[in-house]
Amino acid sequence: MSLVSSRKQSNNHKLYFSKSEISKILNCYALGVTKGDWKDYSLDFNSNEAIFCFYKHTWATPDCKLSKLREKRKKRFIYKLIITNKKYSKYNDLNSLIVSLKRQQLAII
């Protein structure tokens, strides 16, 4: 016999990307797809971060990983960009991260 809680478990504790953030990320992803840089993506959410990964191949490790993290002391978010070579940068807003990612895409070509 197990105890069942009367409360419904909610996903409100998880951190998510907003609609506008997803739109910006997918626009950047679409540019990479048209250039042949990426072929697949994945999303992951937990209580500490929201993660969007870009893949060159479906079976490969991510070429690029975008993370949205909640700062513990302040009520704002930090965005982190991790590239294949384990180089990562932190940004205060998603627009700065996307500009940096596009710049790095141009450097790859």
Protein backbone atom coordinates (compact mmCIF):
# COMPACT_ATOMS: atom_id res chain seq x y z
CA MET A 1 0.00 0.00 0.00
CA SER A 2 1.30 3.44 -0.86
CA LEU A 3 0.25 6.89 0.15
CA VAL A 4 -1.18 9.11 -2.53
CA SER A 5 -0.99 12.86 -2.19
CA SER A 6 -4.20 14.77 -2.69
CA ARG A 7 -2.30 17.62 -4.31
CA LYS A 8 -1.64 17.55 -7.99
CA GLN A 9 1.99 17.83 -8.92
CA SER A 10 2.56 20.83 -11.11
CA ASN A 11 5.38 21.80 -13.43
CA ASN A 12 5.37 25.40 -12.23
CA HIS A 13 8.70 24.91 -10.53
CA LYS A 14 10.44 24.27 -13.85
CA LEU A 15 12.26 26.96 -15.77
CA TYR A 16 11.08 27.51 -19.36
CA PHE A 17 11.89 29.62 -22.40
CA SER A 18 9.23 32.21 -23.22
CA LYS A 19 7.51 32.28 -26.63
CA SER A 20 9.63 35.21 -27.78
CA GLU A 21 12.83 33.48 -26.62
CA ILE A 22 11.92 30.27 -28.45
CA SER A 23 11.14 32.31 -31.57
CA LYS A 24 14.56 34.01 -31.49
CA ILE A 25 16.37 30.72 -30.87
CA LEU A 26 14.49 28.93 -33.66
CA ASN A 27 15.25 31.78 -36.09
CA CYS A 28 18.94 31.38 -35.29
CA TYR A 29 18.63 27.60 -35.63
CA ALA A 30 16.92 28.00 -39.02
CA LEU A 31 19.87 30.06 -40.29
CA GLY A 32 22.23 27.29 -39.20
CA VAL A 33 20.08 24.68 -40.94
CA THR A 34 20.08 26.61 -44.22
CA LYS A 35 23.88 26.85 -44.04
CA GLY A 36 24.15 23.13 -43.31
CA ASP A 37 25.63 23.64 -39.83
CA TRP A 38 22.81 21.94 -37.89
CA LYS A 39 20.31 19.20 -38.60
CA ASP A 40 18.54 18.59 -35.28
CA TYR A 41 17.77 20.21 -31.93
CA SER A 42 16.56 19.25 -28.48
CA LEU A 43 14.93 20.97 -25.53
CA ASP A 44 15.29 20.09 -21.86
CA PHE A 45 13.76 21.71 -18.80
CA ASN A 46 14.35 21.28 -15.10
CA SER A 47 14.04 23.39 -11.97
CA ASN A 48 17.44 25.05 -12.44
CA GLU A 49 17.73 25.65 -16.16
CA ALA A 50 16.13 25.50 -19.58
CA ILE A 51 18.38 24.05 -22.29
CA PHE A 52 18.23 24.27 -26.09
CA CYS A 53 20.84 22.18 -27.99
CA PHE A 54 21.81 22.26 -31.68
CA TYR A 55 23.16 19.10 -33.33
CA LYS A 56 25.06 18.53 -36.55
CA HIS A 57 23.93 14.88 -36.53
CA THR A 58 21.06 13.30 -34.64
CA TRP A 59 23.29 10.77 -32.89
CA ALA A 60 26.07 13.22 -32.00
CA THR A 61 26.76 15.32 -28.94
CA PRO A 62 25.46 18.89 -29.23
CA ASP A 63 27.53 21.34 -31.26
CA CYS A 64 25.99 24.22 -29.38
CA LYS A 65 24.06 24.48 -26.12
CA LEU A 66 22.04 27.50 -24.96
CA SER A 67 21.05 27.57 -21.29
CA LYS A 68 18.75 29.86 -19.35
CA LEU A 69 19.62 29.89 -15.64
CA ARG A 70 17.92 31.63 -12.75
CA GLU A 71 20.23 33.69 -10.56
CA LYS A 72 19.83 32.67 -6.95
CA ARG A 73 20.10 36.04 -5.25
CA LYS A 74 18.48 38.19 -7.90
CA LYS A 75 15.21 37.75 -9.73
CA ARG A 76 16.73 37.70 -13.18
CA PHE A 77 18.13 35.18 -15.62
CA ILE A 78 21.57 34.42 -16.99
CA TYR A 79 22.01 32.96 -20.47
CA LYS A 80 24.94 30.67 -21.14
CA LEU A 81 26.35 29.62 -24.52
CA ILE A 82 28.48 26.46 -24.71
CA ILE A 83 30.18 25.64 -28.01
CA THR A 84 31.59 22.21 -29.00
CA ASN A 85 35.10 22.98 -27.83
CA LYS A 86 33.80 23.47 -24.27
CA LYS A 87 34.20 27.24 -24.52
CA TYR A 88 31.34 28.99 -22.77
CA SER A 89 30.22 32.54 -22.23
CA LYS A 90 27.61 34.12 -19.96
CA TYR A 91 25.20 36.85 -21.03
CA ASN A 92 22.60 38.98 -19.27
CA ASP A 93 20.12 38.79 -22.13
CA LEU A 94 19.27 36.40 -24.95
CA ASN A 95 19.84 38.98 -27.71
CA SER A 96 23.53 39.30 -26.78
CA LEU A 97 23.89 35.53 -26.81
CA ILE A 98 22.27 35.24 -30.26
CA VAL A 99 24.49 38.00 -31.70
CA SER A 100 27.55 36.18 -30.34
CA LEU A 101 26.35 32.86 -31.74
CA LYS A 102 25.74 34.36 -35.20
CA ARG A 103 29.20 35.94 -35.12
CA GLN A 104 30.75 32.56 -34.27
CA GLN A 105 28.76 30.90 -37.07
CA LEU A 106 30.26 33.38 -39.54
CA ALA A 107 33.74 32.66 -38.20
CA ILE A 108 33.24 28.92 -38.76
CA ILE A 109 32.50 29.47 -42.45
